[in-house]
């Protein structure tokens, strides 16, 4: 079963995650959103495949600042 969860964090920001059979497979990355509609909107954009044509890259080292 696939579920999208949108929730308000303790710091007041909104977040989302996507689970498949209880395992988290995608999240907002921790930055959070100012309002619920932005969190829902981004989660839905991911779920609906809006970024399916994104360029795929691979690194052998972490990006700068990580």
C-alpha atoms as a PDB file:
ATOM      1  CA  UNK A   1       0.000   0.000   0.000  1.00  0.00           C
ATOM      2  CA  UNK A   2       1.286   3.463  -0.938  1.00  0.00           C
ATOM      3  CA  UNK A   3       0.541   6.427   1.355  1.00  0.00           C
ATOM      4  CA  UNK A   4       1.322  10.138   1.229  1.00  0.00           C
ATOM      5  CA  UNK A   5       1.430  11.746   4.667  1.00  0.00           C
ATOM      6  CA  UNK A   6       1.409  15.525   5.147  1.00  0.00           C
ATOM      7  CA  UNK A   7       1.967  16.675   8.719  1.00  0.00           C
ATOM      8  CA  UNK A   8       2.813  19.701  10.845  1.00  0.00           C
ATOM      9  CA  UNK A   9       6.170  19.429  12.591  1.00  0.00           C
ATOM     10  CA  UNK A  10       6.947  20.608  16.119  1.00  0.00           C
ATOM     11  CA  UNK A  11       8.662  23.704  14.692  1.00  0.00           C
ATOM     12  CA  UNK A  12       5.404  24.700  12.945  1.00  0.00           C
ATOM     13  CA  UNK A  13       6.582  23.892   9.415  1.00  0.00           C
ATOM     14  CA  UNK A  14       4.772  21.389   7.199  1.00  0.00           C
ATOM     15  CA  UNK A  15       6.398  18.235   5.856  1.00  0.00           C
ATOM     16  CA  UNK A  16       5.488  15.173   3.817  1.00  0.00           C
ATOM     17  CA  UNK A  17       6.605  11.630   3.232  1.00  0.00           C
ATOM     18  CA  UNK A  18       5.663   8.808   0.927  1.00  0.00           C
ATOM     19  CA  UNK A  19       5.598   5.238   2.196  1.00  0.00           C
ATOM     20  CA  UNK A  20       5.260   1.922   0.393  1.00  0.00           C
ATOM     21  CA  UNK A  21       4.218  -0.981   2.598  1.00  0.00           C
ATOM     22  CA  UNK A  22       5.254   1.034   5.657  1.00  0.00           C
ATOM     23  CA  UNK A  23       8.733   1.907   4.341  1.00  0.00           C
ATOM     24  CA  UNK A  24       9.548   5.580   3.690  1.00  0.00           C
ATOM     25  CA  UNK A  25      10.644   5.935   0.064  1.00  0.00           C
ATOM     26  CA  UNK A  26      10.549   9.749  -0.310  1.00  0.00           C
ATOM     27  CA  UNK A  27      10.440  12.801   1.978  1.00  0.00           C
ATOM     28  CA  UNK A  28      10.587  16.574   1.748  1.00  0.00           C
ATOM     29  CA  UNK A  29      14.277  16.360   2.673  1.00  0.00           C
ATOM     30  CA  UNK A  30      13.846  18.116   6.009  1.00  0.00           C
ATOM     31  CA  UNK A  31      13.477  21.710   4.844  1.00  0.00           C
ATOM     32  CA  UNK A  32       9.726  21.779   5.509  1.00  0.00           C
ATOM     33  CA  UNK A  33       7.173  24.203   4.098  1.00  0.00           C
ATOM     34  CA  UNK A  34       5.540  27.341   5.433  1.00  0.00           C
ATOM     35  CA  UNK A  35       2.034  26.072   4.764  1.00  0.00           C
ATOM     36  CA  UNK A  36       0.156  22.823   4.300  1.00  0.00           C
ATOM     37  CA  UNK A  37      -0.838  23.501   0.696  1.00  0.00           C
ATOM     38  CA  UNK A  38       2.800  23.894  -0.408  1.00  0.00           C
ATOM     39  CA  UNK A  39       3.733  20.575   1.243  1.00  0.00           C
ATOM     40  CA  UNK A  40       0.759  18.809  -0.344  1.00  0.00           C
ATOM     41  CA  UNK A  41       1.484  20.401  -3.699  1.00  0.00           C
ATOM     42  CA  UNK A  42       5.105  19.279  -3.822  1.00  0.00           C
ATOM     43  CA  UNK A  43       4.272  15.749  -2.664  1.00  0.00           C
ATOM     44  CA  UNK A  44       1.597  15.512  -5.356  1.00  0.00           C
ATOM     45  CA  UNK A  45       3.988  16.819  -8.014  1.00  0.00           C
ATOM     46  CA  UNK A  46       6.458  14.057  -7.093  1.00  0.00           C
ATOM     47  CA  UNK A  47       3.762  11.364  -6.989  1.00  0.00           C
ATOM     48  CA  UNK A  48       2.289  12.460 -10.316  1.00  0.00           C
ATOM     49  CA  UNK A  49       5.669  12.243 -12.048  1.00  0.00           C
ATOM     50  CA  UNK A  50       6.095  15.917 -12.885  1.00  0.00           C
ATOM     51  CA  UNK A  51       9.879  15.531 -12.668  1.00  0.00           C
ATOM     52  CA  UNK A  52      10.123  12.205 -14.504  1.00  0.00           C
ATOM     53  CA  UNK A  53      12.227  13.799 -17.252  1.00  0.00           C
ATOM     54  CA  UNK A  54      14.863  15.075 -14.810  1.00  0.00           C
ATOM     55  CA  UNK A  55      18.487  14.603 -15.767  1.00  0.00           C
ATOM     56  CA  UNK A  56      19.943  11.634 -13.910  1.00  0.00           C
ATOM     57  CA  UNK A  57      23.420  12.055 -12.470  1.00  0.00           C
ATOM     58  CA  UNK A  58      25.692  10.069 -10.181  1.00  0.00           C
ATOM     59  CA  UNK A  59      28.550  11.228  -7.936  1.00  0.00           C
ATOM     60  CA  UNK A  60      31.259   9.235  -6.210  1.00  0.00           C
ATOM     61  CA  UNK A  61      31.595  11.932  -3.538  1.00  0.00           C
ATOM     62  CA  UNK A  62      29.033  13.976  -1.578  1.00  0.00           C
ATOM     63  CA  UNK A  63      28.017  17.324  -3.060  1.00  0.00           C
ATOM     64  CA  UNK A  64      29.782  20.386  -1.617  1.00  0.00           C
ATOM     65  CA  UNK A  65      28.339  21.449   1.719  1.00  0.00           C
ATOM     66  CA  UNK A  66      27.118  17.971   2.669  1.00  0.00           C
END
